[in-house]
Amino acid sequence: MQTGKATPPAKKLRAYAQAMGSYAARLRPYVDKLRLDVNKLRPYVDKLRPYVDKLRPCVDKLHPYASKLHQYAVKAVDAVGSWLHRGIVQVGKVSPRTAKRLEAVEAWVCQSDRRKLSVAALVAVLVLGIGFAAIFPEVAGRYGRVIFTSNQVVPLPDETRRAVREKAKQLAAALDGRLDRKRKLAGETWASAQILVALRENDPDYASRIDVKLVEQYFRSMAGPECACWRRFPQGKHPNHLGVTSWVLWTFAQYGIPAHKSELEFLLSAQGSDGGWPLFGGVQEEKFTSSYGTAAAILALHGQAALQPDRGLRKRLAAAVGRGADWLKSRAVAGRARWVDYPAWPEAQEDFLGVSGFALFALHRVGAWWLGSLDRDWLRELPAQAPAALRGEASAKAVQVGNRSFPDETRYYELPWTILATAEVYRSAGIFRKVRAVQWLERALAPGASIYELTGRENSAALLAEALLALRSEARHE
C-alpha cells in the first residue's frame, strides 16, 4: 500500500469540496428564509383551493363553446377555400393558363407545411416591400419612420427636425428677452402666462433656471382685488377674464405652483350647468358659453388637480374637467371635428380652425378616451395647405356682463393650434392615421414654410408663444 502526500487531483477535489461547503453554508440562511416564506404562503394557497374547485365546473361548461368555435372556424376555412375555387373557375373561363397556375399555387399551399408557408410569406412581404419602396420612396420612408420611431416623437425628416430645432431656439430666446427679471411682459397678464407656458413646454429645465417664486408673486400681485382671478390688463375697467385666469393657473401647474383653493373655487363656480365656461366672469346667459374658455379651463383644472393635497378637491376638479370635456364633445360640428367659438349663439356662425385645434389639443391633454371619431374627422378635414403663420381669427362678439357689454378680443391663430392638435392626434392614432398626420406636419413644418418667417420681433407676443408651443414637440425631443 502506497502512502505519502496527497496527489494534486486529490488536493483540487478537497479544495472544491471545501468551496462547495462554504457556498452551502452561505446559502443555508436564504434557504431557511425561503422555507419560512413558503410556510407563510400555505394558508393562502389553502384558501384559494375552494375557489379553484369552483372554477373547474365553469371551465368544463366552456368546453362545448370552444368546440363549437372550432367547428365554425373549420367551416369558415372551408368556405374561403370554396370561394377561392369558384374564383379560379371564373378566371379559367377568361384565361385557362392563369387558372392552371392558380390551381398549382392552391395545391402547393394545401400540401406545404407551415414552416414553408411562413418562409414563403416572409419572402413575399420582403419582395413587395422592396418594390413599394423603389416605386414610392417618399411614402415608404414615411411608413418606416412611423413604424420604427417612438410613439411620443413625430418622425419628421432630419432636415425638418433641424430647422424646427433652430427656429424653436430663436423664438425661445426672443420671448425670454421680452420678459423682465420678474418674468412679466409690460403688465399684460395673458401674454406673460402664454410665454411662460411656451418656454416651459419647450425646455423642461427652464423652471430650474428662473426664480419660480417671482413668477408666483408677480401673478398673485396682478389678481383682481374682488376675486381670486385675473384680467387681461390689471389696470383699467376690464372684466374678470376666465380665459386669462385659466392660462395663469395652467402656468402655475407647469411650474409646480399649487393654486390657492379660492382661485380654483372661482373657476369651478363659473362653470355652467351644462358643463361649459364663458369667457368672462359674471356672465349669465347660455349663449355666451365659449369653446375657447371651456378648453382653457379644463387644461388649467387638469394641471392643478395633481398638485392639490385635498383628495375631495381633486375629485371635484376631475369631475369638472370631465363635464367640460363632455360639453366640448357635444358641441363639435358633426362629422368635422370643428368648433365655433360660441356654440349656443342664436345666429349662424363659421367654425374656426384655431379654436378647433385648441379644443382638440385640450381634450387630448386631459386624457379624454373617446376621441377616436374626432381624431379621424380632424385628419380628414385638415386643409390641404397649412395656413399662414400670421393668419388668425376673431369673433369680436359683444359679451354681456351684468349691465355692460365687453368685446371678445381673443385672436385664434390657426397654424400653431392646428400643428399642436395634429401632433396630439398622431400620438394616439393607428399606423395609417399616423402616416396621414405626419404627411400634413411635414408640409406645415418643412424648411421654408411660413412658420419660419416669424422673426421674433413681431408685435404679438401671443403669436410667438403659440408658435413656440407648436415647435416644442420636436425641439424638446431632439
Foldseek 3Di string as FASTA:
>chain_A
DDDDDDDPVVVVVVVVVVVVVVVCVVCVVVVVVVVVVVVVCVVVVVVCVVVVVVCVVVVVVCVVVVVVVVVVVVVVVVVVVVVLLVVLVVVCVVPVVVSVVSVVVVVCVVPDDPVVVVVVVVVVVVVVLVVCCVVPVVLSVLLVQLVPDDLLAQRADPQLLVLLQVLLVQLLVLLVVQADLLQDHPQFLQLSLLNLVLNCLQPVCPLVVHDVVSPVVVVCVLADPVARAHFRGSDDPTFGFLLSRLSSLLSCLSNLHADDPRSLVQNLVQQDPQLFHAGGPQADDLQRGFLSSLLSNLSNLLSNLVNDPDPVVSVSSLVSSVSSLVSLVVQQDPLALFHQGGSNNPDDDDTDQLSSLSNLLSCLVSPPPPCPSSLVNPLVNDDPAADALPDWDADQDWGDRPNDTDTDPDIRGRRLSSLSNLSSSLSPDDSVSVSSSSVRVCRCSPPPHNLSVDNSPDPDSSSSSSSSNSSSSSNHVD
